[in-house]
Protein backbone atom coordinates (compact mmCIF):
# COMPACT_ATOMS: atom_id res chain seq x y z
CA UNK A 1 -0.80 -3.16 -65.89
CA UNK A 2 -3.21 -3.36 -68.84
CA UNK A 3 -2.91 0.32 -69.19
CA UNK A 4 0.77 -0.10 -70.10
CA UNK A 5 0.00 -2.60 -72.31
CA UNK A 6 -2.48 -0.74 -74.01
CA UNK A 7 -0.06 2.27 -74.10
CA UNK A 8 1.07 2.23 -77.54
CA UNK A 9 -2.41 0.66 -79.64
CA UNK A 10 -3.96 2.86 -81.57
CA UNK A 11 -7.47 1.37 -81.49
CA UNK A 12 -10.01 3.93 -80.06
CA UNK A 13 -13.15 5.13 -80.46
CA UNK A 14 -14.02 8.63 -82.29
CA UNK A 15 -16.52 10.59 -79.95
CA UNK A 16 -16.90 13.59 -82.05
CA UNK A 17 -15.48 14.44 -85.51
CA UNK A 18 -14.16 17.77 -86.13
CA UNK A 19 -12.49 18.11 -89.54
CA UNK A 20 -10.76 21.24 -90.17
CA UNK A 21 -8.78 20.33 -93.70
CA UNK A 22 -6.16 19.99 -94.46
CA UNK A 23 -4.76 19.13 -90.63
CA UNK A 24 -4.50 15.68 -89.85
CA UNK A 25 -7.94 14.67 -88.38
CA UNK A 26 -6.24 13.31 -85.29
CA UNK A 27 -5.20 16.76 -84.37
CA UNK A 28 -8.41 18.00 -84.15
CA UNK A 29 -11.14 14.90 -83.20
CA UNK A 30 -12.27 13.88 -79.99
CA UNK A 31 -11.23 10.36 -79.40
CA UNK A 32 -11.20 7.98 -76.81
CA UNK A 33 -8.31 5.09 -77.11
CA UNK A 34 -8.34 1.72 -75.58
CA UNK A 35 -5.57 2.90 -72.90
CA UNK A 36 -7.86 6.12 -72.12
CA UNK A 37 -10.72 3.28 -70.85
CA UNK A 38 -8.05 1.32 -69.09
CA UNK A 39 -6.68 4.50 -67.17
CA UNK A 40 -9.90 5.81 -66.24
CA UNK A 41 -11.05 2.17 -64.91
CA UNK A 42 -7.75 1.94 -63.26
CA UNK A 43 -8.58 5.48 -61.57
CA UNK A 44 -12.12 4.62 -60.70
CA UNK A 45 -11.11 1.85 -59.05
CA UNK A 46 -8.71 3.44 -57.09
CA UNK A 47 -11.32 6.23 -56.05
CA UNK A 48 -13.74 3.31 -54.70
CA UNK A 49 -10.74 2.06 -52.97
CA UNK A 50 -9.74 5.26 -50.91
CA UNK A 51 -13.44 5.27 -50.09
CA UNK A 52 -13.01 1.63 -48.59
CA UNK A 53 -9.52 2.39 -46.99
CA UNK A 54 -9.63 5.94 -46.41
CA UNK A 55 -5.55 6.62 -46.29
CA UNK A 56 -2.84 9.45 -46.59
CA UNK A 57 -2.12 10.51 -50.14
CA UNK A 58 1.39 11.54 -50.96
CA UNK A 59 1.67 13.94 -53.80
CA UNK A 60 5.16 12.86 -54.80
CA UNK A 61 8.31 14.88 -54.42
CA UNK A 62 7.69 18.61 -54.62
CA UNK A 63 10.28 18.50 -57.85
CA UNK A 64 8.04 16.60 -59.67
CA UNK A 65 5.12 17.37 -58.72
CA UNK A 66 4.83 21.28 -58.20
CA UNK A 67 6.26 21.71 -62.00
CA UNK A 68 3.25 18.91 -63.26
CA UNK A 69 0.61 21.01 -61.46
CA UNK A 70 1.85 24.30 -62.98
CA UNK A 71 1.74 22.51 -66.86
CA UNK A 72 -1.61 21.46 -65.86
CA UNK A 73 -2.79 25.12 -64.64
CA UNK A 74 -1.09 26.86 -68.06
CA UNK A 75 -3.00 24.49 -70.12
CA UNK A 76 -6.12 25.00 -68.65
CA UNK A 77 -4.96 28.85 -68.37
CA UNK A 78 -4.53 29.01 -72.22
CA UNK A 79 -8.35 27.69 -73.12
CA UNK A 80 -9.90 31.30 -73.12
CA UNK A 81 -6.95 32.16 -75.41
CA UNK A 82 -6.95 29.24 -77.69
CA UNK A 83 -7.43 29.48 -81.70
CA UNK A 84 -10.10 26.09 -80.43
CA UNK A 85 -11.19 26.59 -76.88
CA UNK A 86 -13.06 23.63 -76.98
CA UNK A 87 -10.04 21.49 -78.53
CA UNK A 88 -7.57 22.81 -75.77
CA UNK A 89 -10.81 21.95 -73.02
CA UNK A 90 -10.63 18.68 -74.38
CA UNK A 91 -6.66 18.09 -74.01
CA UNK A 92 -6.50 19.98 -70.19
CA UNK A 93 -9.51 17.43 -69.44
CA UNK A 94 -6.69 14.96 -70.30
CA UNK A 95 -4.15 16.45 -68.50
CA UNK A 96 -6.35 16.61 -65.25
CA UNK A 97 -6.56 12.57 -66.02
CA UNK A 98 -3.11 11.85 -66.41
CA UNK A 99 -2.64 14.25 -62.76
CA UNK A 100 -4.68 11.13 -61.51
CA UNK A 101 -2.60 8.60 -63.16
CA UNK A 102 0.52 9.99 -61.71
CA UNK A 103 -0.65 10.30 -58.47
CA UNK A 104 -1.62 6.49 -58.67
CA UNK A 105 1.65 5.59 -60.02
CA UNK A 106 3.30 7.75 -56.98
CA UNK A 107 0.92 6.24 -54.00
CA UNK A 108 0.39 2.31 -55.30
CA UNK A 109 2.82 0.91 -57.79
CA UNK A 110 5.64 -0.47 -55.16
CA UNK A 111 7.00 -3.14 -56.87
CA UNK A 112 9.17 -3.17 -60.31
CA UNK A 113 7.18 -6.44 -60.94
CA UNK A 114 4.17 -4.28 -61.76
CA UNK A 115 5.91 -2.46 -64.34
CA UNK A 116 8.12 -6.01 -66.09
CA UNK A 117 5.08 -7.98 -66.66
CA UNK A 118 3.18 -5.24 -68.93
CA UNK A 119 6.34 -4.65 -70.36
CA UNK A 120 6.67 -8.00 -71.37
CA UNK A 121 2.85 -8.20 -72.94
CA UNK A 122 3.69 -4.84 -74.64
CA UNK A 123 6.80 -6.27 -76.60
CA UNK A 124 5.07 -9.57 -77.39
CA UNK A 125 1.63 -8.09 -78.05
CA UNK A 126 3.21 -5.54 -80.72
CA UNK A 127 6.69 -6.81 -81.23
CA UNK A 128 5.12 -10.13 -83.59
CA UNK A 129 2.71 -7.89 -85.53
CA UNK A 130 5.87 -5.24 -86.17
CA UNK A 131 8.15 -8.43 -87.01
CA UNK A 132 5.73 -10.26 -89.81
CA UNK A 133 4.79 -6.75 -90.70
CA UNK A 134 8.50 -6.14 -91.89
CA UNK A 135 9.29 -9.86 -93.14
CA UNK A 136 6.09 -9.90 -95.28
CA UNK A 137 6.11 -5.86 -96.45
CA UNK A 138 2.78 -5.36 -95.42
CA UNK A 139 0.18 -5.25 -93.13
CA UNK A 140 -0.91 -9.36 -91.43
CA UNK A 141 -4.40 -8.67 -91.16
CA UNK A 142 -5.56 -7.50 -88.16
CA UNK A 143 -7.27 -4.51 -89.19
CA UNK A 144 -9.96 -5.10 -86.84
CA UNK A 145 -7.20 -4.83 -84.09
CA UNK A 146 -6.41 -0.98 -85.64
CA UNK A 147 -3.50 -2.07 -87.70
CA UNK A 148 -3.35 0.00 -90.80
CA UNK A 149 -3.72 -1.43 -94.22
CA UNK A 150 0.11 -1.14 -95.40
CA UNK A 151 1.62 -1.07 -98.22
CA UNK A 152 5.07 0.46 -99.38
CA UNK A 153 4.42 1.42 -102.23
CA UNK A 154 1.18 4.01 -101.34
CA UNK A 155 1.96 7.33 -100.09
CA UNK A 156 2.02 8.22 -96.90
CA UNK A 157 2.83 4.88 -95.16
CA UNK A 158 6.22 5.29 -93.68
CA UNK A 159 9.23 3.59 -95.55
CA UNK A 160 13.04 3.98 -95.96
CA UNK A 161 14.28 4.75 -99.65
CA UNK A 162 17.78 2.57 -100.59
CA UNK A 163 18.93 1.83 -103.58
CA UNK A 164 15.23 2.48 -105.44
CA UNK A 165 13.97 -0.35 -103.21
CA UNK A 166 11.22 1.39 -100.18
CA UNK A 167 11.00 -0.69 -97.76
CA UNK A 168 8.15 -0.62 -95.23
CA UNK A 169 9.04 0.41 -91.61
CA UNK A 170 7.30 -1.43 -88.71
CA UNK A 171 3.87 -0.19 -87.32
CA UNK A 172 2.61 -2.99 -85.52
CA UNK A 173 -0.80 -2.20 -83.90
CA UNK A 174 0.79 1.25 -83.15
CA UNK A 175 -0.35 4.69 -85.46
CA UNK A 176 3.48 5.16 -86.12
CA UNK A 177 6.50 3.20 -86.31
CA UNK A 178 8.16 6.08 -84.08
CA UNK A 179 5.29 6.03 -81.73
CA UNK A 180 5.71 2.05 -81.61
CA UNK A 181 9.89 2.29 -81.08
CA UNK A 182 9.22 4.86 -78.69
CA UNK A 183 7.00 2.06 -76.45
CA UNK A 184 9.56 -0.87 -77.21
CA UNK A 185 12.42 0.99 -76.07
CA UNK A 186 10.90 2.05 -72.70
CA UNK A 187 9.43 -1.64 -72.50
CA UNK A 188 12.42 -3.37 -73.19
CA UNK A 189 14.78 -1.06 -70.63
CA UNK A 190 12.28 -1.93 -67.89
CA UNK A 191 12.36 -5.94 -68.42
CA UNK A 192 15.98 -5.76 -69.39
CA UNK A 193 16.93 -3.59 -66.31
CA UNK A 194 14.61 -6.29 -64.06
CA UNK A 195 16.64 -9.25 -65.63
CA UNK A 196 19.96 -8.02 -64.69
CA UNK A 197 19.31 -7.89 -61.36
CA UNK A 198 17.80 -11.25 -61.03
CA UNK A 199 20.45 -13.34 -62.96
CA UNK A 200 18.93 -16.85 -61.20
CA UNK A 201 15.54 -16.20 -62.10
CA UNK A 202 13.68 -18.82 -63.35
CA UNK A 203 12.10 -16.18 -65.66
CA UNK A 204 15.41 -15.34 -66.60
CA UNK A 205 15.50 -17.02 -69.75
CA UNK A 206 11.84 -16.30 -70.69
CA UNK A 207 12.81 -12.78 -70.37
CA UNK A 208 15.61 -12.47 -72.53
CA UNK A 209 13.55 -14.39 -75.11
CA UNK A 210 11.71 -11.69 -74.99
CA UNK A 211 13.49 -9.45 -75.40
CA UNK A 212 15.56 -10.44 -78.18
CA UNK A 213 11.66 -10.07 -79.76
CA UNK A 214 11.68 -6.37 -78.42
CA UNK A 215 14.92 -5.44 -79.65
CA UNK A 216 14.03 -7.04 -83.76
CA UNK A 217 10.70 -5.04 -83.99
CA UNK A 218 12.55 -1.74 -82.59
CA UNK A 219 15.12 -2.32 -85.11
CA UNK A 220 12.76 -2.53 -87.61
CA UNK A 221 10.92 0.72 -86.51
CA UNK A 222 13.93 2.06 -87.95
CA UNK A 223 13.12 4.83 -85.12
CA UNK A 224 16.13 7.28 -84.57
CA UNK A 225 14.50 8.20 -81.34
CA UNK A 226 13.88 5.20 -80.01
CA UNK A 227 17.14 4.23 -80.84
CA UNK A 228 18.85 7.08 -79.26
CA UNK A 229 16.34 6.55 -76.36
CA UNK A 230 17.25 2.74 -75.05
CA UNK A 231 21.13 3.77 -75.74
CA UNK A 232 20.72 6.53 -73.57
CA UNK A 233 18.96 4.90 -70.84
CA UNK A 234 20.64 1.76 -70.87
CA UNK A 235 24.13 3.90 -70.85
CA UNK A 236 22.90 5.94 -67.89
CA UNK A 237 21.77 2.62 -65.93
CA UNK A 238 24.97 0.90 -66.96
CA UNK A 239 26.92 4.21 -65.46
CA UNK A 240 25.08 4.34 -62.47
CA UNK A 241 25.36 0.31 -61.71
CA UNK A 242 29.41 0.77 -61.77
CA UNK A 243 29.60 4.27 -59.88
CA UNK A 244 27.64 2.96 -57.04
CA UNK A 245 29.47 -0.33 -56.64
CA UNK A 246 26.61 -1.90 -58.16
CA UNK A 247 29.17 -4.08 -60.51
CA UNK A 248 27.10 -7.41 -60.73
CA UNK A 249 24.28 -5.92 -61.93
CA UNK A 250 26.02 -3.78 -64.22
CA UNK A 251 27.82 -6.97 -65.68
CA UNK A 252 24.75 -8.32 -66.07
CA UNK A 253 23.02 -5.44 -67.43
CA UNK A 254 26.13 -5.28 -70.00
CA UNK A 255 25.87 -9.08 -71.30
CA UNK A 256 22.21 -8.67 -72.01
CA UNK A 257 22.87 -5.55 -74.13
CA UNK A 258 25.85 -7.46 -75.74
CA UNK A 259 23.76 -10.44 -76.05
CA UNK A 260 20.76 -8.73 -77.72
CA UNK A 261 23.16 -7.09 -79.87
CA UNK A 262 25.00 -10.35 -81.07
CA UNK A 263 21.58 -11.62 -82.05
CA UNK A 264 20.54 -8.64 -83.91
CA UNK A 265 23.84 -8.67 -85.68
CA UNK A 266 22.90 -10.01 -89.01
CA UNK A 267 19.71 -8.51 -89.29
CA UNK A 268 21.74 -5.27 -88.91
CA UNK A 269 24.36 -6.37 -91.60
CA UNK A 270 20.83 -7.33 -93.98
CA UNK A 271 19.82 -4.06 -93.54
CA UNK A 272 23.10 -2.16 -93.36
CA UNK A 273 22.07 0.19 -96.65
CA UNK A 274 18.86 1.04 -94.87
CA UNK A 275 19.95 1.93 -91.58
CA UNK A 276 23.19 3.90 -93.64
CA UNK A 277 20.31 6.00 -94.94
CA UNK A 278 18.94 6.34 -91.79
CA UNK A 279 21.97 6.96 -89.80
CA UNK A 280 23.33 9.62 -92.45
CA UNK A 281 26.11 7.51 -93.70
CA UNK A 282 26.86 8.26 -97.31
CA UNK A 283 25.54 11.94 -97.16
CA UNK A 284 22.16 10.67 -97.07
CA UNK A 285 20.25 13.67 -95.05
CA UNK A 286 21.57 15.80 -98.41
CA UNK A 287 20.95 13.30 -101.21
CA UNK A 288 18.25 10.99 -100.01
CA UNK A 289 15.07 12.44 -101.02
CA UNK A 290 13.03 10.79 -97.93
CA UNK A 291 15.95 11.82 -95.77
CA UNK A 292 16.16 15.26 -97.03
CA UNK A 293 12.07 15.86 -96.83
CA UNK A 294 12.20 14.67 -93.36
CA UNK A 295 14.90 16.93 -91.68
CA UNK A 296 13.79 20.24 -93.79
CA UNK A 297 10.07 19.62 -92.58
CA UNK A 298 11.69 19.44 -88.79
CA UNK A 299 13.58 22.86 -89.54
CA UNK A 300 10.47 24.71 -91.14
CA UNK A 301 7.97 23.27 -88.05
CA UNK A 302 10.36 24.08 -85.59
CA UNK A 303 10.50 27.88 -87.25
CA UNK A 304 6.65 28.13 -87.70
CA UNK A 305 6.69 26.85 -83.94
CA UNK A 306 8.74 29.95 -83.04
CA UNK A 307 6.85 32.47 -84.70
CA UNK A 308 3.96 31.22 -83.24
CA UNK A 309 5.56 31.53 -79.47
CA UNK A 310 6.25 35.28 -80.44
CA UNK A 311 3.07 35.94 -81.39
CA UNK A 312 1.90 34.86 -78.50
CA UNK A 313 4.75 34.52 -75.94
CA UNK A 314 2.35 34.83 -72.53
CA UNK A 315 -0.72 32.42 -73.38
CA UNK A 316 -0.04 30.70 -76.17
CA UNK A 317 -2.22 29.47 -79.12
CA UNK A 318 -4.01 27.11 -77.11
CA UNK A 319 -2.90 23.44 -75.55
CA UNK A 320 -3.31 21.04 -78.25
CA UNK A 321 -4.35 23.41 -81.30
CA UNK A 322 -0.93 24.18 -82.76
CA UNK A 323 -1.96 21.96 -85.99
CA UNK A 324 -4.75 24.72 -86.66
CA UNK A 325 -2.93 27.85 -85.33
CA UNK A 326 -0.29 26.59 -88.09
CA UNK A 327 -3.03 26.75 -90.88
CA UNK A 328 -4.62 30.25 -89.68
CA UNK A 329 -0.76 31.53 -89.71
CA UNK A 330 0.61 30.34 -92.48
CA UNK A 331 -2.22 29.03 -94.91
CA UNK A 332 -0.02 28.45 -98.00
CA UNK A 333 2.23 26.09 -96.04
CA UNK A 334 4.49 23.76 -97.94
CA UNK A 335 4.21 20.89 -95.59
CA UNK A 336 1.80 18.88 -93.55
CA UNK A 337 0.44 20.77 -90.79
CA UNK A 338 2.11 19.18 -87.22
CA UNK A 339 3.50 20.53 -84.46
CA UNK A 340 7.37 20.93 -83.77
CA UNK A 341 9.48 18.05 -83.13
CA UNK A 342 10.96 19.82 -80.24
CA UNK A 343 8.87 19.03 -77.14
CA UNK A 344 9.79 21.96 -75.29
CA UNK A 345 9.50 24.27 -78.21
CA UNK A 346 5.93 23.00 -78.49
CA UNK A 347 4.74 23.47 -75.02
CA UNK A 348 6.03 27.03 -75.54
CA UNK A 349 4.36 27.78 -78.49
CA UNK A 350 0.63 26.22 -76.77
CA UNK A 351 0.51 27.57 -73.18
CA UNK A 352 3.37 30.52 -73.27
CA UNK A 353 6.09 31.05 -71.17
CA UNK A 354 5.15 29.50 -68.04
CA UNK A 355 3.82 26.43 -69.40
CA UNK A 356 7.64 26.14 -71.32
CA UNK A 357 9.46 26.61 -67.44
CA UNK A 358 7.12 24.64 -65.95
CA UNK A 359 8.18 21.79 -68.66
CA UNK A 360 11.83 22.99 -68.67
CA UNK A 361 11.60 22.15 -64.83
CA UNK A 362 10.02 18.57 -65.50
CA UNK A 363 13.06 17.79 -67.56
CA UNK A 364 16.32 19.27 -65.23
CA UNK A 365 15.18 19.42 -61.79
CA UNK A 366 15.06 15.39 -61.30
CA UNK A 367 18.84 15.32 -62.73
CA UNK A 368 19.73 18.17 -60.34
CA UNK A 369 18.57 16.57 -57.46
CA UNK A 370 20.34 13.39 -58.35
CA UNK A 371 23.21 15.26 -58.62
CA UNK A 372 22.93 17.34 -55.05
CA UNK A 373 21.80 14.77 -53.17
CA UNK A 374 24.33 12.00 -54.12
CA UNK A 375 25.92 11.44 -50.95
CA UNK A 376 22.40 11.30 -49.19
CA UNK A 377 20.62 8.95 -51.45
CA UNK A 378 20.27 5.21 -51.76
CA UNK A 379 20.89 4.38 -55.21
CA UNK A 380 18.93 1.18 -55.57
CA UNK A 381 18.69 -0.22 -58.64
CA UNK A 382 14.85 0.56 -58.61
CA UNK A 383 15.76 4.36 -58.73
CA UNK A 384 18.57 3.71 -61.46
CA UNK A 385 15.68 1.82 -63.96
CA UNK A 386 13.49 4.36 -62.90
CA UNK A 387 15.88 7.28 -64.18
CA UNK A 388 16.85 5.19 -66.76
CA UNK A 389 13.32 5.18 -68.13
CA UNK A 390 12.63 8.78 -67.27
CA UNK A 391 16.09 9.56 -69.76
CA UNK A 392 14.56 7.42 -72.25
CA UNK A 393 11.65 9.71 -72.68
CA UNK A 394 13.17 12.79 -72.37
CA UNK A 395 15.53 12.04 -75.02
CA UNK A 396 12.63 10.94 -77.46
CA UNK A 397 11.14 14.69 -76.60
CA UNK A 398 13.99 16.13 -78.11
CA UNK A 399 13.32 14.61 -81.47
CA UNK A 400 9.06 13.99 -81.67
CA UNK A 401 6.08 15.51 -80.61
CA UNK A 402 4.55 12.71 -79.31
CA UNK A 403 5.28 12.65 -75.93
CA UNK A 404 3.61 15.58 -75.21
CA UNK A 405 0.33 15.66 -77.57
CA UNK A 406 -0.49 11.98 -78.05
CA UNK A 407 -2.29 9.51 -76.57
CA UNK A 408 0.92 6.96 -75.74
CA UNK A 409 3.65 9.96 -75.49
CA UNK A 410 1.52 11.10 -72.58
CA UNK A 411 0.84 7.96 -70.51
CA UNK A 412 4.94 7.30 -71.38
CA UNK A 413 5.75 10.77 -69.60
CA UNK A 414 3.52 10.42 -66.71
CA UNK A 415 4.06 7.25 -65.96
CA UNK A 416 7.84 7.59 -65.99
CA UNK A 417 7.24 10.68 -63.71
CA UNK A 418 5.33 8.95 -61.64
CA UNK A 419 8.17 5.94 -60.75
CA UNK A 420 10.98 8.76 -60.55
CA UNK A 421 8.79 10.23 -58.12
CA UNK A 422 7.54 7.04 -56.18
CA UNK A 423 11.65 5.77 -56.49
CA UNK A 424 13.10 9.27 -55.38
CA UNK A 425 10.76 9.62 -52.64
CA UNK A 426 11.87 5.57 -51.09
CA UNK A 427 15.46 6.55 -51.82
CA UNK A 428 15.30 10.03 -49.94
CA UNK A 429 13.70 8.87 -47.01
CA UNK A 430 15.41 5.48 -46.55
CA UNK A 431 12.38 3.11 -47.01
CA UNK A 432 12.68 -0.08 -48.38
CA UNK A 433 8.97 -0.21 -49.59
CA UNK A 434 9.64 0.45 -53.49
CA UNK A 435 11.09 -2.79 -54.59
């Protein structure tokens, strides 16, 4: 639970500095984040428990477990061919630990409550910091906890520009507003779905208040990928609830969403010029320099990813080594070296065609299985909720690379795969232990 709370937190220890200017240091340094420490502690405690109480381990449904194993092996296989073998070995070790995390989730998480409480704590611990940053337009003095020093007038700080006004995007205690936004979107879905399924719970008013904090913080991140992720996950859950005859939960879910939108309406109206810029109203994508640069960078990064993949279609440039390969291939690159924002393309460039095929399987097979077994599956609220979280994380990967490369995004991805695998296995077998 503490691992989940710490997912967006950028507080970390630098194990080894490996400067490779002008590549961003976090792409090359060996780092240990708070969430890493908590995840490793979780796995060590689990191993002790398995030794004291031996039991059969479930590897999860093959349609998730096999592609995950293949993706890990493709990453390991890329090490000898990597432009930076030590860096790829570092990332391969991370994938091995994430495989253990996936197995832990599949085997040990038997209650949605284990997700709900840390989701609420994540929203509270990050949301109030983000809101204070947005209202004060500066950092709030939590530098010792990993907060950036923020000023919207500084170059490199993420802002939205409208009418000559530079509005600071909320960072919370995360590394970037997009990362905070994605974590808040997933946490909001988890808490909101729990609340919708328990309208008579005495904790529902508390949950709704926390959802209000999360919604406002998410709004101030100005993260388009997070907004799409939340909207997509919410729409999927609503559709499943009504399609499977769970109308009361569906009604409560819609009321939760409408109530949150009503609460945010004054803020949406106040931020309308800035929201319009982020959403492309008035031709902002072609007329506002910051938005035009953002979209232009993404197109250029995708083109370089295609080129790197074409150069090494079988082995890739090495797990986690994309930015260094960029620097070697394009020494006069006009923008910052960074991965492509389409995760599938990034995976292909780093691990080659086989890694890309395994990752594509992870994106497609869960939905194919739900469709093919739609008459045999028990579409419990847990399966619906896990599917909503999985879709949200997958949608983020269409617009941003952190679900593949960075610690917060990886933990979100492997957590979502584990939750979906556990709930799908239970729904397939008719079990009732996952509740």
